[in-house]
Amino acid sequence: MASNLDFFVAFLLGILPGIGILWVSLRRFDRPHVDHTLFDDRRVFGGLAAGLVFGTVASVLTLSLSGYESLWVFVAAVVLEESFKLVYLNRRSYQGRFDTTFYGIPLGIGIAASGVVVSAWLSRDTLYVPETLGLLLVLSVSLGLVNADTGSIIGFGASRKEMWPSFLRAIGFRFAHAAFLFPFILRVDEPFSAISAATSAGFALLVYYYVYHRILPGTLPEDLRRELRRDRRRAFTPRG
């Protein structure tokens, strides 16, 4: 019974921040903000499910090799995750579609959530200690943001049929994020572990600001961008 509760708490820690990020990211492109939804719900949830499955397999594989504490295994895990996004989002039915940018977000969130669930499960002996819960929550936000960032960037490249430039940008962001996060992964003493997790989340949030304001609206065709701007002006116009 206790193990079921631990897993449920671990799952909530992984998925709830990600769902929040997903909602904030896509709500502008759904009704009532636009006349019609600009993405396919089935592809959104399909990407989330694919990310959860792949993230679980990748996390278990990484831990079986020697754990995230090994620098080279950690680097390989990052490259593997971004490569999966590249392959998934550059399938024939996704390439050249403006909405592919949106589907990179749930895909990345699923991968991030699985990693957090595994981390929380491994910390189940101290899971209900406030400091542990707090750090895992920060980790969940940090990984959710950075994976949503790179998923949307790779998706944007797929929408423009420019695979490799977007992939290299995503890898660069992930390595920069990993540099902030790695002391936390190594479980250094406090307060440095908390500082590591917090700075990684801050970096991911800065990249997310760029993604939110440039990448996501920038993927839309010009006519849809005009419609979005028109609807936004209409929403802020006082009704007389």
Protein backbone atom coordinates (compact mmCIF):
# COMPACT_ATOMS: atom_id res chain seq x y z
CA MET A 1 0.00 0.00 0.00
CA ALA A 2 2.79 2.39 0.93
CA SER A 3 4.66 1.69 -2.32
CA ASN A 4 1.52 2.48 -4.34
CA LEU A 5 1.17 5.80 -2.53
CA ASP A 6 4.85 6.59 -3.08
CA PHE A 7 4.51 5.92 -6.80
CA PHE A 8 1.35 8.05 -7.00
CA VAL A 9 3.11 10.97 -5.29
CA ALA A 10 6.15 10.52 -7.55
CA PHE A 11 3.90 10.50 -10.61
CA LEU A 12 2.12 13.69 -9.51
CA LEU A 13 5.46 15.40 -8.92
CA GLY A 14 6.49 14.52 -12.44
CA ILE A 15 3.32 15.20 -14.38
CA LEU A 16 1.51 18.12 -12.72
CA PRO A 17 4.14 20.84 -13.38
CA GLY A 18 4.41 19.56 -16.95
CA ILE A 19 0.66 19.75 -17.50
CA GLY A 20 0.77 23.33 -16.24
CA ILE A 21 3.56 24.20 -18.69
CA LEU A 22 1.65 22.53 -21.53
CA TRP A 23 -1.55 24.46 -20.74
CA VAL A 24 0.24 27.82 -20.55
CA SER A 25 2.07 27.10 -23.81
CA LEU A 26 -0.91 26.08 -25.94
CA ARG A 27 -3.86 27.99 -24.52
CA ARG A 28 -3.26 31.01 -26.80
CA PHE A 29 -3.73 28.75 -29.81
CA ASP A 30 -7.01 27.26 -28.67
CA ARG A 31 -10.53 28.61 -28.42
CA PRO A 32 -11.68 31.14 -27.29
CA HIS A 33 -8.42 32.94 -28.07
CA VAL A 34 -8.68 31.97 -31.76
CA ASP A 35 -11.62 31.08 -33.99
CA HIS A 36 -10.54 27.44 -34.24
CA THR A 37 -7.98 25.28 -32.46
CA LEU A 38 -4.60 25.45 -34.19
CA PHE A 39 -3.38 22.02 -33.10
CA ASP A 40 -4.63 18.44 -33.04
CA ASP A 41 -5.51 17.21 -29.54
CA ARG A 42 -4.77 13.62 -30.53
CA ARG A 43 -1.23 14.52 -31.53
CA VAL A 44 -0.75 16.47 -28.31
CA PHE A 45 -1.76 13.54 -26.12
CA GLY A 46 0.02 11.09 -28.41
CA GLY A 47 3.24 13.06 -27.99
CA LEU A 48 2.79 13.16 -24.22
CA ALA A 49 2.26 9.39 -24.12
CA ALA A 50 5.25 8.73 -26.39
CA GLY A 51 7.40 10.95 -24.20
CA LEU A 52 6.32 9.15 -21.03
CA VAL A 53 7.11 5.74 -22.51
CA PHE A 54 10.44 6.76 -24.01
CA GLY A 55 11.45 8.71 -20.91
CA THR A 56 10.81 5.70 -18.69
CA VAL A 57 12.85 3.39 -20.91
CA ALA A 58 15.68 5.93 -21.20
CA SER A 59 15.77 6.56 -17.43
CA VAL A 60 15.90 2.85 -16.62
CA LEU A 61 18.61 2.30 -19.24
CA THR A 62 20.67 5.21 -17.91
CA LEU A 63 20.45 3.96 -14.33
CA SER A 64 21.36 0.43 -15.37
CA LEU A 65 24.54 1.68 -17.07
CA SER A 66 25.85 3.48 -13.99
CA GLY A 67 23.42 6.21 -13.09
CA TYR A 68 23.19 9.91 -13.84
CA GLU A 69 26.17 10.56 -11.55
CA SER A 70 28.49 9.58 -14.41
CA LEU A 71 29.17 12.66 -16.56
CA TRP A 72 29.42 10.71 -19.81
CA VAL A 73 26.26 8.74 -19.15
CA PHE A 74 24.47 12.00 -18.31
CA VAL A 75 25.68 13.58 -21.57
CA ALA A 76 24.67 10.48 -23.53
CA ALA A 77 21.20 10.59 -21.93
CA VAL A 78 20.74 14.22 -23.01
CA VAL A 79 21.79 13.45 -26.59
CA LEU A 80 19.53 10.38 -26.67
CA GLU A 81 16.51 12.37 -25.51
CA GLU A 82 17.02 15.14 -28.04
CA SER A 83 17.67 12.59 -30.81
CA PHE A 84 14.36 10.92 -30.03
CA LYS A 85 12.60 14.27 -30.36
CA LEU A 86 14.37 14.84 -33.67
CA VAL A 87 13.24 11.49 -35.08
CA TYR A 88 9.69 11.72 -33.70
CA LEU A 89 9.03 15.25 -34.95
CA ASN A 90 10.63 14.77 -38.37
CA ARG A 91 8.43 11.93 -39.49
CA ARG A 92 6.84 12.41 -42.89
CA SER A 93 3.42 13.30 -41.47
CA TYR A 94 4.95 15.99 -39.24
CA GLN A 95 7.50 17.68 -41.48
CA GLY A 96 6.47 20.97 -43.04
CA ARG A 97 3.44 21.48 -40.76
CA PHE A 98 3.41 24.66 -38.67
CA ASP A 99 1.69 22.86 -35.77
CA THR A 100 4.59 20.40 -35.40
CA THR A 101 6.21 23.07 -33.22
CA PHE A 102 3.39 22.64 -30.72
CA TYR A 103 3.76 18.84 -30.54
CA GLY A 104 7.36 19.08 -29.39
CA ILE A 105 6.11 20.51 -26.08
CA PRO A 106 4.06 17.51 -24.85
CA LEU A 107 6.73 15.17 -26.18
CA GLY A 108 9.40 16.91 -24.09
CA ILE A 109 7.13 17.15 -21.06
CA GLY A 110 6.48 13.41 -21.16
CA ILE A 111 10.22 12.69 -21.22
CA ALA A 112 10.85 15.10 -18.35
CA ALA A 113 7.98 13.74 -16.25
CA SER A 114 9.31 10.19 -16.51
CA GLY A 115 12.74 11.29 -15.34
CA VAL A 116 11.25 13.06 -12.33
CA VAL A 117 9.10 10.05 -11.45
CA VAL A 118 12.17 7.82 -11.47
CA SER A 119 14.14 10.31 -9.36
CA ALA A 120 11.29 10.62 -6.86
CA TRP A 121 10.89 6.85 -6.66
CA LEU A 122 14.60 6.43 -5.94
CA SER A 123 14.23 9.03 -3.16
CA ARG A 124 11.15 7.38 -1.65
CA ASP A 125 12.86 6.77 1.71
CA THR A 126 12.94 10.55 2.25
CA LEU A 127 10.18 11.49 -0.21
CA TYR A 128 7.95 13.14 2.40
CA VAL A 129 10.70 15.24 3.95
CA PRO A 130 9.80 18.86 2.99
CA GLU A 131 13.30 19.57 1.65
CA THR A 132 13.15 16.52 -0.64
CA LEU A 133 9.67 17.35 -1.89
CA GLY A 134 10.69 20.93 -2.54
CA LEU A 135 13.80 19.97 -4.48
CA LEU A 136 11.92 17.40 -6.55
CA LEU A 137 9.29 20.00 -7.39
CA VAL A 138 11.96 22.45 -8.54
CA LEU A 139 13.59 19.64 -10.54
CA SER A 140 10.24 18.84 -12.17
CA VAL A 141 9.70 22.46 -13.21
CA SER A 142 13.28 22.74 -14.46
CA LEU A 143 13.21 19.56 -16.55
CA GLY A 144 9.68 20.25 -17.78
CA LEU A 145 10.62 23.72 -18.99
CA VAL A 146 13.87 22.79 -20.69
CA ASN A 147 12.40 19.74 -22.43
CA ALA A 148 9.40 21.78 -23.59
CA ASP A 149 11.88 24.40 -24.84
CA THR A 150 13.98 22.01 -26.87
CA GLY A 151 10.96 20.03 -28.07
CA SER A 152 9.38 23.16 -29.52
CA ILE A 153 12.69 24.29 -31.05
CA ILE A 154 13.18 20.92 -32.77
CA GLY A 155 9.52 20.95 -33.80
CA PHE A 156 9.98 24.42 -35.28
CA GLY A 157 12.92 23.11 -37.31
CA ALA A 158 10.77 20.23 -38.54
CA SER A 159 8.02 22.65 -39.55
CA ARG A 160 10.57 24.52 -41.68
CA LYS A 161 12.32 21.30 -42.82
CA GLU A 162 15.51 22.50 -41.16
CA MET A 163 16.43 19.51 -38.99
CA TRP A 164 20.02 20.00 -37.98
CA PRO A 165 20.24 23.71 -37.07
CA SER A 166 17.33 23.34 -34.65
CA PHE A 167 18.75 20.09 -33.26
CA LEU A 168 22.11 21.71 -32.56
CA ARG A 169 20.43 24.68 -30.86
CA ALA A 170 18.43 22.30 -28.70
CA ILE A 171 21.55 20.32 -27.76
CA GLY A 172 23.31 23.57 -26.88
CA PHE A 173 20.48 24.64 -24.57
CA ARG A 174 20.35 21.21 -22.94
CA PHE A 175 24.11 21.18 -22.28
CA ALA A 176 23.96 24.67 -20.78
CA HIS A 177 21.06 23.58 -18.60
CA ALA A 178 22.93 20.41 -17.63
CA ALA A 179 25.91 22.47 -16.51
CA PHE A 180 23.67 24.21 -13.96
CA LEU A 181 21.91 21.00 -12.94
CA PHE A 182 24.82 18.57 -12.68
CA PRO A 183 25.83 19.49 -9.10
CA PHE A 184 22.28 18.60 -8.04
CA ILE A 185 22.55 15.29 -9.89
CA LEU A 186 25.80 14.62 -8.01
CA ARG A 187 23.90 15.24 -4.75
CA VAL A 188 26.31 17.84 -3.45
CA ASP A 189 25.76 19.20 0.05
CA GLU A 190 23.19 21.88 0.80
CA PRO A 191 22.72 24.69 0.02
CA PHE A 192 24.60 24.03 -3.22
CA SER A 193 22.22 21.32 -4.38
CA ALA A 194 19.25 23.66 -4.01
CA ILE A 195 21.16 26.47 -5.74
CA SER A 196 21.96 24.11 -8.61
CA ALA A 197 18.32 23.09 -9.08
CA ALA A 198 17.07 26.67 -8.78
CA THR A 199 19.58 28.12 -11.27
CA SER A 200 18.81 25.37 -13.77
CA ALA A 201 15.11 26.24 -13.46
CA GLY A 202 15.91 29.93 -13.91
CA PHE A 203 17.90 29.21 -17.06
CA ALA A 204 15.12 27.01 -18.45
CA LEU A 205 12.61 29.78 -17.71
CA LEU A 206 14.69 32.31 -19.66
CA VAL A 207 14.78 30.01 -22.67
CA TYR A 208 11.05 29.39 -22.25
CA TYR A 209 10.43 33.15 -22.41
CA TYR A 210 12.15 33.16 -25.80
CA VAL A 211 10.18 30.09 -26.95
CA TYR A 212 6.86 31.51 -25.73
CA HIS A 213 7.28 34.90 -27.37
CA ARG A 214 9.25 34.00 -30.51
CA ILE A 215 9.14 30.33 -31.46
CA LEU A 216 5.49 29.48 -30.79
CA PRO A 217 3.85 32.48 -32.48
CA GLY A 218 6.62 32.49 -35.10
CA THR A 219 5.61 29.05 -36.35
CA LEU A 220 2.22 30.32 -37.52
CA PRO A 221 1.60 31.31 -41.14
CA GLU A 222 1.29 35.05 -41.61
CA ASP A 223 -2.50 35.00 -42.01
CA LEU A 224 -2.91 33.14 -38.71
CA ARG A 225 -0.52 35.53 -36.99
CA ARG A 226 -2.60 38.46 -38.17
CA GLU A 227 -5.72 36.73 -36.89
CA LEU A 228 -4.08 36.13 -33.52
CA ARG A 229 -3.00 39.76 -33.23
CA ARG A 230 -6.47 40.94 -34.27
CA ASP A 231 -8.19 38.74 -31.69
CA ARG A 232 -5.79 39.92 -29.03
CA ARG A 233 -6.46 43.58 -29.81
CA ARG A 234 -10.19 42.85 -29.78
CA ALA A 235 -9.88 41.25 -26.37
CA PHE A 236 -8.19 44.35 -24.94
CA THR A 237 -10.47 46.88 -26.63
CA PRO A 238 -12.93 48.43 -24.12
CA ARG A 239 -16.53 47.71 -24.97
CA GLY A 240 -18.56 50.88 -25.21
